[in-house]
Amino acid sequence: MPSPAETPPADFPPEPWRQATVPEPPADGDLSFACPRCGATATASTYGPCPGCRTELRARLGGEQREVAQGDYVPKMNVTPNAVALKD
């Protein structure tokens, strides 16, 4: 039996991930799709409502920006304190 140093490497088929190629990303405005809201053909860089539906949604559902006040963070006390540290 030959030693491992004398054994020639086996010819394995290449792994599928080595043969894969990454496609080029589409250019801006390159996607053409049907609007999920009204069904009209839309062209945009990302999937979503067409510009007409976006304007209508902002007018109907959009609100004014406002400041939201938050209280201080108070952690929950669900952990028992260290008994050694509290020992008198």
N, C-alpha and C. Protein backbone atom coordinates (compact mmCIF):
# COMPACT_ATOMS: atom_id res chain seq x y z
N MET A 1 0.84 -1.17 0.00
CA MET A 1 0.00 0.00 0.00
C MET A 1 0.89 1.24 0.00
N PRO A 2 0.64 2.19 -0.92
CA PRO A 2 1.49 3.39 -0.96
C PRO A 2 1.18 4.32 0.21
N SER A 3 2.21 5.06 0.62
CA SER A 3 2.02 6.00 1.73
C SER A 3 1.21 7.21 1.23
N PRO A 4 0.61 7.95 2.14
CA PRO A 4 -0.20 9.11 1.72
C PRO A 4 0.59 10.14 0.94
N ALA A 5 1.89 10.25 1.19
CA ALA A 5 2.70 11.23 0.46
C ALA A 5 2.88 10.81 -0.99
N GLU A 6 2.85 9.49 -1.28
CA GLU A 6 3.05 9.00 -2.64
C GLU A 6 1.75 8.92 -3.44
N THR A 7 0.61 9.01 -2.76
CA THR A 7 -0.68 8.87 -3.44
C THR A 7 -0.99 10.14 -4.23
N PRO A 8 -1.27 10.01 -5.53
CA PRO A 8 -1.60 11.22 -6.30
C PRO A 8 -2.97 11.75 -5.88
N PRO A 9 -3.19 13.04 -6.01
CA PRO A 9 -4.50 13.60 -5.63
C PRO A 9 -5.60 13.07 -6.54
N ALA A 10 -6.75 12.84 -5.97
CA ALA A 10 -7.89 12.33 -6.74
C ALA A 10 -8.51 13.47 -7.55
N ASP A 11 -9.06 13.12 -8.70
CA ASP A 11 -9.73 14.12 -9.53
C ASP A 11 -11.20 14.16 -9.15
N PHE A 12 -11.53 15.06 -8.22
CA PHE A 12 -12.92 15.23 -7.81
C PHE A 12 -13.57 16.27 -8.70
N PRO A 13 -14.87 16.13 -8.94
CA PRO A 13 -15.55 17.18 -9.71
C PRO A 13 -15.55 18.48 -8.91
N PRO A 14 -15.51 19.62 -9.58
CA PRO A 14 -15.49 20.89 -8.84
C PRO A 14 -16.79 21.10 -8.06
N GLU A 15 -16.67 21.80 -6.95
CA GLU A 15 -17.84 22.07 -6.12
C GLU A 15 -18.78 23.02 -6.87
N PRO A 16 -20.08 22.86 -6.66
CA PRO A 16 -21.03 23.73 -7.36
C PRO A 16 -20.83 25.20 -7.04
N TRP A 17 -20.41 25.53 -5.82
CA TRP A 17 -20.25 26.94 -5.47
C TRP A 17 -19.08 27.57 -6.21
N ARG A 18 -18.14 26.78 -6.67
CA ARG A 18 -17.03 27.33 -7.43
C ARG A 18 -17.44 27.64 -8.86
N GLN A 19 -18.47 26.96 -9.36
CA GLN A 19 -18.90 27.19 -10.73
C GLN A 19 -19.92 28.33 -10.81
N ALA A 20 -20.50 28.72 -9.67
CA ALA A 20 -21.56 29.73 -9.68
C ALA A 20 -20.98 31.10 -10.02
N THR A 21 -21.77 31.88 -10.69
CA THR A 21 -21.40 33.25 -10.99
C THR A 21 -22.45 34.18 -10.41
N VAL A 22 -22.01 35.33 -9.95
CA VAL A 22 -22.93 36.31 -9.38
C VAL A 22 -23.35 37.25 -10.49
N PRO A 23 -24.66 37.38 -10.73
CA PRO A 23 -25.10 38.27 -11.80
C PRO A 23 -24.90 39.73 -11.41
N GLU A 24 -24.78 40.57 -12.39
CA GLU A 24 -24.64 42.00 -12.16
C GLU A 24 -25.93 42.55 -11.58
N PRO A 25 -25.87 43.46 -10.63
CA PRO A 25 -27.11 44.04 -10.10
C PRO A 25 -27.79 44.89 -11.17
N PRO A 26 -29.12 44.93 -11.17
CA PRO A 26 -29.80 45.73 -12.19
C PRO A 26 -29.56 47.21 -11.98
N ALA A 27 -29.58 47.96 -13.05
CA ALA A 27 -29.39 49.40 -12.98
C ALA A 27 -30.60 50.06 -12.34
N ASP A 28 -30.44 51.29 -11.85
CA ASP A 28 -31.56 52.01 -11.23
C ASP A 28 -32.70 52.17 -12.22
N GLY A 29 -33.90 51.91 -11.76
CA GLY A 29 -35.07 52.04 -12.61
C GLY A 29 -35.21 50.91 -13.61
N ASP A 30 -34.46 49.84 -13.42
CA ASP A 30 -34.44 48.75 -14.39
C ASP A 30 -35.55 47.74 -14.16
N LEU A 31 -36.12 47.68 -12.94
CA LEU A 31 -37.16 46.70 -12.65
C LEU A 31 -38.49 47.16 -13.21
N SER A 32 -39.16 46.28 -13.90
CA SER A 32 -40.49 46.57 -14.41
C SER A 32 -41.43 45.52 -13.83
N PHE A 33 -42.49 45.99 -13.15
CA PHE A 33 -43.39 45.07 -12.45
C PHE A 33 -44.77 45.69 -12.38
N ALA A 34 -45.74 44.86 -12.00
CA ALA A 34 -47.10 45.34 -11.80
C ALA A 34 -47.22 45.90 -10.39
N CYS A 35 -47.85 47.04 -10.25
CA CYS A 35 -48.04 47.66 -8.94
C CYS A 35 -48.89 46.72 -8.08
N PRO A 36 -48.45 46.41 -6.85
CA PRO A 36 -49.21 45.48 -6.02
C PRO A 36 -50.54 46.07 -5.55
N ARG A 37 -50.73 47.36 -5.70
CA ARG A 37 -51.95 48.01 -5.22
C ARG A 37 -52.98 48.18 -6.32
N CYS A 38 -52.56 48.75 -7.46
CA CYS A 38 -53.53 49.03 -8.52
C CYS A 38 -53.36 48.15 -9.75
N GLY A 39 -52.22 47.45 -9.88
CA GLY A 39 -52.00 46.55 -11.00
C GLY A 39 -51.40 47.21 -12.22
N ALA A 40 -51.16 48.52 -12.19
CA ALA A 40 -50.56 49.21 -13.33
C ALA A 40 -49.09 48.84 -13.44
N THR A 41 -48.54 48.92 -14.65
CA THR A 41 -47.13 48.63 -14.87
C THR A 41 -46.29 49.77 -14.29
N ALA A 42 -45.29 49.41 -13.49
CA ALA A 42 -44.43 50.41 -12.86
C ALA A 42 -42.98 50.05 -13.13
N THR A 43 -42.12 51.05 -13.18
CA THR A 43 -40.69 50.86 -13.35
C THR A 43 -39.99 51.62 -12.22
N ALA A 44 -39.23 50.90 -11.40
CA ALA A 44 -38.53 51.52 -10.27
C ALA A 44 -37.34 50.66 -9.89
N SER A 45 -36.51 51.19 -8.99
CA SER A 45 -35.33 50.44 -8.56
C SER A 45 -35.67 49.39 -7.51
N THR A 46 -36.81 49.55 -6.81
CA THR A 46 -37.25 48.56 -5.83
C THR A 46 -38.72 48.25 -6.04
N TYR A 47 -39.14 47.08 -5.56
CA TYR A 47 -40.53 46.66 -5.69
C TYR A 47 -41.39 47.41 -4.69
N GLY A 48 -42.56 47.86 -5.13
CA GLY A 48 -43.49 48.55 -4.24
C GLY A 48 -44.56 49.24 -5.05
N PRO A 49 -45.38 50.06 -4.40
CA PRO A 49 -46.45 50.76 -5.11
C PRO A 49 -45.90 51.71 -6.17
N CYS A 50 -46.71 51.97 -7.19
CA CYS A 50 -46.32 52.90 -8.24
C CYS A 50 -46.32 54.33 -7.67
N PRO A 51 -45.71 55.30 -8.36
CA PRO A 51 -45.66 56.67 -7.84
C PRO A 51 -47.04 57.26 -7.57
N GLY A 52 -48.03 56.97 -8.39
CA GLY A 52 -49.38 57.48 -8.14
C GLY A 52 -49.96 56.93 -6.85
N CYS A 53 -49.78 55.65 -6.60
CA CYS A 53 -50.29 55.04 -5.37
C CYS A 53 -49.52 55.56 -4.15
N ARG A 54 -48.22 55.80 -4.29
CA ARG A 54 -47.43 56.34 -3.18
C ARG A 54 -47.94 57.71 -2.77
N THR A 55 -48.20 58.55 -3.77
CA THR A 55 -48.71 59.90 -3.49
C THR A 55 -50.06 59.82 -2.79
N GLU A 56 -50.93 58.95 -3.28
CA GLU A 56 -52.25 58.80 -2.68
C GLU A 56 -52.14 58.28 -1.24
N LEU A 57 -51.27 57.30 -1.00
CA LEU A 57 -51.10 56.75 0.34
C LEU A 57 -50.54 57.78 1.31
N ARG A 58 -49.57 58.59 0.85
CA ARG A 58 -49.01 59.63 1.72
C ARG A 58 -50.06 60.68 2.08
N ALA A 59 -50.90 61.04 1.09
CA ALA A 59 -51.93 62.05 1.34
C ALA A 59 -52.99 61.51 2.30
N ARG A 60 -53.35 60.25 2.17
CA ARG A 60 -54.42 59.69 2.97
C ARG A 60 -53.95 59.20 4.34
N LEU A 61 -52.78 58.56 4.40
CA LEU A 61 -52.33 57.93 5.64
C LEU A 61 -51.18 58.66 6.33
N GLY A 62 -50.53 59.56 5.62
CA GLY A 62 -49.38 60.26 6.19
C GLY A 62 -49.80 61.22 7.28
N GLY A 63 -48.95 61.41 8.24
CA GLY A 63 -49.23 62.33 9.34
C GLY A 63 -48.08 63.30 9.51
N GLU A 64 -48.27 64.22 10.41
CA GLU A 64 -47.22 65.19 10.71
C GLU A 64 -46.19 64.55 11.64
N GLN A 65 -44.95 64.94 11.45
CA GLN A 65 -43.89 64.45 12.32
C GLN A 65 -44.02 65.13 13.67
N ARG A 66 -43.83 64.37 14.73
CA ARG A 66 -43.95 64.94 16.07
C ARG A 66 -42.87 64.37 16.97
N GLU A 67 -42.59 65.09 18.03
CA GLU A 67 -41.60 64.65 19.01
C GLU A 67 -42.26 63.68 19.98
N VAL A 68 -41.63 62.55 20.22
CA VAL A 68 -42.17 61.55 21.14
C VAL A 68 -41.31 61.56 22.39
N ALA A 69 -41.94 61.83 23.53
CA ALA A 69 -41.21 61.86 24.80
C ALA A 69 -41.13 60.45 25.36
N GLN A 70 -39.95 60.08 25.80
CA GLN A 70 -39.74 58.75 26.37
C GLN A 70 -39.34 58.89 27.82
N GLY A 71 -39.83 57.99 28.64
CA GLY A 71 -39.43 57.97 30.05
C GLY A 71 -38.07 57.34 30.21
N ASP A 72 -37.49 57.50 31.39
CA ASP A 72 -36.19 56.89 31.67
C ASP A 72 -36.33 55.37 31.72
N TYR A 73 -35.27 54.70 31.33
CA TYR A 73 -35.27 53.24 31.34
C TYR A 73 -35.08 52.75 32.77
N VAL A 74 -35.99 51.91 33.22
CA VAL A 74 -35.90 51.31 34.55
C VAL A 74 -35.84 49.80 34.34
N PRO A 75 -34.70 49.17 34.67
CA PRO A 75 -34.59 47.72 34.45
C PRO A 75 -35.50 46.94 35.39
N LYS A 76 -35.93 45.79 34.94
CA LYS A 76 -36.77 44.93 35.77
C LYS A 76 -35.92 44.31 36.87
N MET A 77 -36.54 44.09 38.00
CA MET A 77 -35.83 43.47 39.12
C MET A 77 -36.26 42.01 39.25
N ASN A 78 -35.99 41.23 38.24
CA ASN A 78 -36.35 39.82 38.29
C ASN A 78 -35.16 38.94 38.66
N VAL A 79 -34.05 39.54 39.04
CA VAL A 79 -32.86 38.78 39.43
C VAL A 79 -32.63 39.02 40.92
N THR A 80 -32.37 37.96 41.66
CA THR A 80 -32.11 38.13 43.10
C THR A 80 -30.72 38.72 43.29
N PRO A 81 -30.58 39.64 44.24
CA PRO A 81 -29.26 40.23 44.48
C PRO A 81 -28.27 39.19 44.98
N ASN A 82 -27.02 39.49 44.85
CA ASN A 82 -25.95 38.61 45.29
C ASN A 82 -25.99 38.49 46.81
N ALA A 83 -26.18 37.30 47.33
CA ALA A 83 -26.30 37.09 48.77
C ALA A 83 -25.00 37.40 49.50
N VAL A 84 -23.87 37.17 48.88
CA VAL A 84 -22.58 37.44 49.53
C VAL A 84 -22.37 38.94 49.67
N ALA A 85 -22.74 39.71 48.67
CA ALA A 85 -22.55 41.15 48.72
C ALA A 85 -23.46 41.80 49.75
N LEU A 86 -24.62 41.23 50.01
CA LEU A 86 -25.56 41.81 50.96
C LEU A 86 -25.37 41.29 52.38
N LYS A 87 -24.42 40.39 52.60
CA LYS A 87 -24.22 39.77 53.91
C LYS A 87 -23.67 40.81 54.88
N ASP A 88 -24.26 40.90 56.08
CA ASP A 88 -23.80 41.87 57.08
C ASP A 88 -22.74 41.29 57.98
